[in-house]
Protein backbone atom coordinates (compact mmCIF):
# COMPACT_ATOMS: atom_id res chain seq x y z
CA UNK A 1 0.00 0.00 0.00
CA UNK A 2 1.41 3.39 -1.01
CA UNK A 3 1.02 6.39 1.26
CA UNK A 4 1.45 9.96 0.16
CA UNK A 5 3.22 12.05 2.74
CA UNK A 6 2.40 15.72 2.86
CA UNK A 7 3.57 18.69 4.84
CA UNK A 8 1.32 21.08 6.63
CA UNK A 9 2.62 24.63 6.41
CA UNK A 10 2.01 27.26 9.09
CA UNK A 11 -1.08 28.31 7.14
CA UNK A 12 -2.55 24.82 7.51
CA UNK A 13 -2.28 23.81 3.84
CA UNK A 14 -0.43 20.64 2.90
CA UNK A 15 2.89 21.08 1.08
CA UNK A 16 3.76 18.37 -1.46
CA UNK A 17 6.79 17.81 -3.63
CA UNK A 18 4.61 17.89 -6.77
CA UNK A 19 3.16 21.31 -5.93
CA UNK A 20 2.98 23.98 -8.58
CA UNK A 21 4.97 27.19 -8.48
CA UNK A 22 1.64 28.94 -8.01
CA UNK A 23 1.62 27.59 -4.44
CA UNK A 24 5.13 28.88 -3.86
CA UNK A 25 4.15 32.33 -5.14
CA UNK A 26 1.09 32.36 -2.87
CA UNK A 27 3.34 31.68 0.11
CA UNK A 28 6.30 33.92 -0.77
CA UNK A 29 4.40 36.61 -2.65
CA UNK A 30 4.39 37.53 -6.30
CA UNK A 31 6.12 40.91 -6.08
CA UNK A 32 8.45 41.41 -9.06
CA UNK A 33 10.94 44.15 -9.74
CA UNK A 34 12.08 45.30 -13.14
CA UNK A 35 14.22 47.77 -15.05
CA UNK A 36 14.03 48.97 -18.64
CA UNK A 37 16.74 47.71 -21.02
CA UNK A 38 18.41 51.11 -21.47
CA UNK A 39 19.38 51.72 -17.81
CA UNK A 40 22.97 51.19 -16.77
CA UNK A 41 24.08 47.93 -15.25
CA UNK A 42 25.18 49.95 -12.21
CA UNK A 43 21.62 51.28 -11.72
CA UNK A 44 20.28 47.73 -11.97
CA UNK A 45 22.81 46.55 -9.38
CA UNK A 46 21.76 49.37 -7.06
CA UNK A 47 18.13 48.25 -7.43
CA UNK A 48 19.06 44.65 -6.67
CA UNK A 49 21.01 45.71 -3.58
CA UNK A 50 18.18 47.97 -2.42
CA UNK A 51 15.60 45.18 -2.77
CA UNK A 52 18.01 42.47 -1.53
CA UNK A 53 17.38 40.29 -4.60
CA UNK A 54 19.63 38.49 -7.06
CA UNK A 55 17.96 39.44 -10.32
CA UNK A 56 15.58 41.78 -12.11
CA UNK A 57 13.16 41.44 -14.98
CA UNK A 58 14.03 43.59 -17.97
CA UNK A 59 10.80 45.08 -19.30
CA UNK A 60 10.15 47.20 -22.37
CA UNK A 61 6.80 48.62 -21.33
CA UNK A 62 4.72 45.54 -20.52
CA UNK A 63 6.87 43.19 -22.62
CA UNK A 64 9.38 40.89 -20.93
CA UNK A 65 12.59 41.22 -22.94
CA UNK A 66 15.24 39.83 -20.60
CA UNK A 67 16.49 39.08 -17.12
CA UNK A 68 19.58 40.49 -15.44
CA UNK A 69 21.22 38.75 -12.50
CA UNK A 70 24.26 39.16 -10.31
CA UNK A 71 25.67 36.23 -12.25
CA UNK A 72 25.30 38.13 -15.55
CA UNK A 73 27.18 41.03 -13.97
CA UNK A 74 30.01 38.87 -12.66
CA UNK A 75 30.48 36.96 -15.92
CA UNK A 76 29.77 39.62 -18.53
CA UNK A 77 31.09 42.81 -16.92
CA UNK A 78 33.62 42.27 -14.14
CA UNK A 79 35.53 39.33 -15.61
CA UNK A 80 35.77 41.05 -19.00
CA UNK A 81 36.95 44.32 -17.44
CA UNK A 82 34.00 46.49 -18.51
CA UNK A 83 32.42 49.32 -16.53
CA UNK A 84 28.96 48.83 -15.04
CA UNK A 85 28.44 52.60 -15.04
CA UNK A 86 28.72 52.74 -18.83
CA UNK A 87 27.14 49.48 -19.98
CA UNK A 88 23.41 49.20 -20.44
CA UNK A 89 21.37 46.30 -19.10
CA UNK A 90 20.40 45.26 -22.63
CA UNK A 91 24.07 44.55 -23.38
CA UNK A 92 24.37 41.81 -20.74
CA UNK A 93 20.84 40.63 -19.93
CA UNK A 94 19.88 37.01 -20.46
CA UNK A 95 17.47 36.71 -23.35
CA UNK A 96 15.28 34.95 -24.20
CA UNK A 97 14.04 34.48 -20.66
CA UNK A 98 13.35 31.00 -19.31
CA UNK A 99 9.70 31.03 -18.28
CA UNK A 100 7.22 28.65 -16.67
CA UNK A 101 3.47 28.61 -16.12
CA UNK A 102 1.89 28.84 -12.67
CA UNK A 103 0.92 25.16 -13.03
CA UNK A 104 4.54 24.01 -13.54
CA UNK A 105 5.61 21.69 -10.71
CA UNK A 106 8.60 22.15 -8.43
CA UNK A 107 10.21 19.04 -9.95
CA UNK A 108 9.74 20.39 -13.48
CA UNK A 109 11.25 23.72 -12.44
CA UNK A 110 14.30 22.03 -10.92
CA UNK A 111 14.83 20.02 -14.10
CA UNK A 112 14.44 23.13 -16.26
CA UNK A 113 16.93 25.10 -14.14
CA UNK A 114 19.41 22.24 -14.43
CA UNK A 115 18.98 21.92 -18.20
CA UNK A 116 19.03 25.67 -18.88
CA UNK A 117 21.72 26.40 -16.26
CA UNK A 118 19.75 29.26 -14.73
CA UNK A 119 18.89 30.28 -11.18
CA UNK A 120 15.63 32.16 -11.78
CA UNK A 121 12.43 31.29 -13.63
CA UNK A 122 9.90 33.92 -14.60
CA UNK A 123 6.33 32.75 -14.06
CA UNK A 124 4.00 33.92 -16.81
CA UNK A 125 0.30 33.49 -17.40
CA UNK A 126 -0.42 34.19 -21.04
CA UNK A 127 1.74 37.24 -21.72
CA UNK A 128 1.56 38.58 -18.15
CA UNK A 129 4.38 38.13 -15.64
CA UNK A 130 2.93 36.86 -12.36
CA UNK A 131 6.10 36.19 -10.38
CA UNK A 132 9.66 34.91 -10.21
CA UNK A 133 10.95 31.80 -8.48
CA UNK A 134 14.60 31.30 -7.64
CA UNK A 135 16.60 28.17 -7.03
CA UNK A 136 16.53 29.14 -3.34
CA UNK A 137 12.72 29.23 -3.33
CA UNK A 138 12.56 25.74 -4.81
CA UNK A 139 15.24 24.29 -2.53
CA UNK A 140 13.47 25.72 0.54
CA UNK A 141 10.18 24.19 -0.62
CA UNK A 142 11.81 20.79 -1.14
CA UNK A 143 13.67 20.92 2.19
CA UNK A 144 10.45 21.71 4.02
CA UNK A 145 8.71 18.81 2.30
CA UNK A 146 11.52 16.37 3.05
CA UNK A 147 11.86 17.49 6.68
CA UNK A 148 8.19 16.93 7.35
CA UNK A 149 8.24 13.57 5.55
CA UNK A 150 11.13 12.47 7.77
CA UNK A 151 9.18 13.46 10.88
CA UNK A 152 6.09 11.62 9.62
CA UNK A 153 8.13 8.49 8.98
CA UNK A 154 9.76 8.70 12.42
CA UNK A 155 6.32 9.06 14.02
CA UNK A 156 5.00 6.14 11.96
CA UNK A 157 7.91 3.88 12.93
CA UNK A 158 7.62 4.79 16.60
CA UNK A 159 3.86 4.18 16.60
CA UNK A 160 2.79 7.82 16.90
CA UNK A 161 1.40 7.96 13.36
CA UNK A 162 -2.36 7.25 13.16
CA UNK A 163 -3.10 4.01 11.27
C-alpha cells in the first residue's frame, strides 16, 4: 500500500513535492521588480542591492525582454573588465528568458533550471508576468517537504502515526 506524505505549512495547507509554483508564489508573494533595457548595469545593481534580490526582470513597457542577474554582472562585466556605469542592461541581460506557467511543478522547475543552467524562472500566465521563483525558493520548498516527511516516517515507525 502506497502512502502519500504531505507537509502542513504554518497556514494549515499541505505542502507536497509535486506542488505547482503557483503555491510557492502564494506563500512567498508575487512581487516582481524590473528595469528597462536602457538603464545602466550599475543602476540595476543598485536596485538589486536595495531590494536584496539576485535578479531583475528587464521590461520594455509591458513586454518581458530579458532578465539580469548578479551572475550576468560577474560573468559579462567584471571578468571582462568592462564598466557597469557605462554598460546598459540590454548589453548583458539574459534573453530569451526562461519562463514557466503557474501550473509548472517544483520538480519540473528544478529540471528546467538544471537543463538551462539558470537560477531564476519567470512565471507567466499568457503574456503577463505573475512572479519569479529562484533556485533558493525551490530548494526551501523541497527541504520543508523532506523534513516533514522524515518526521512523519519517524512518528510512523515509533507508533505515533495514526493508522
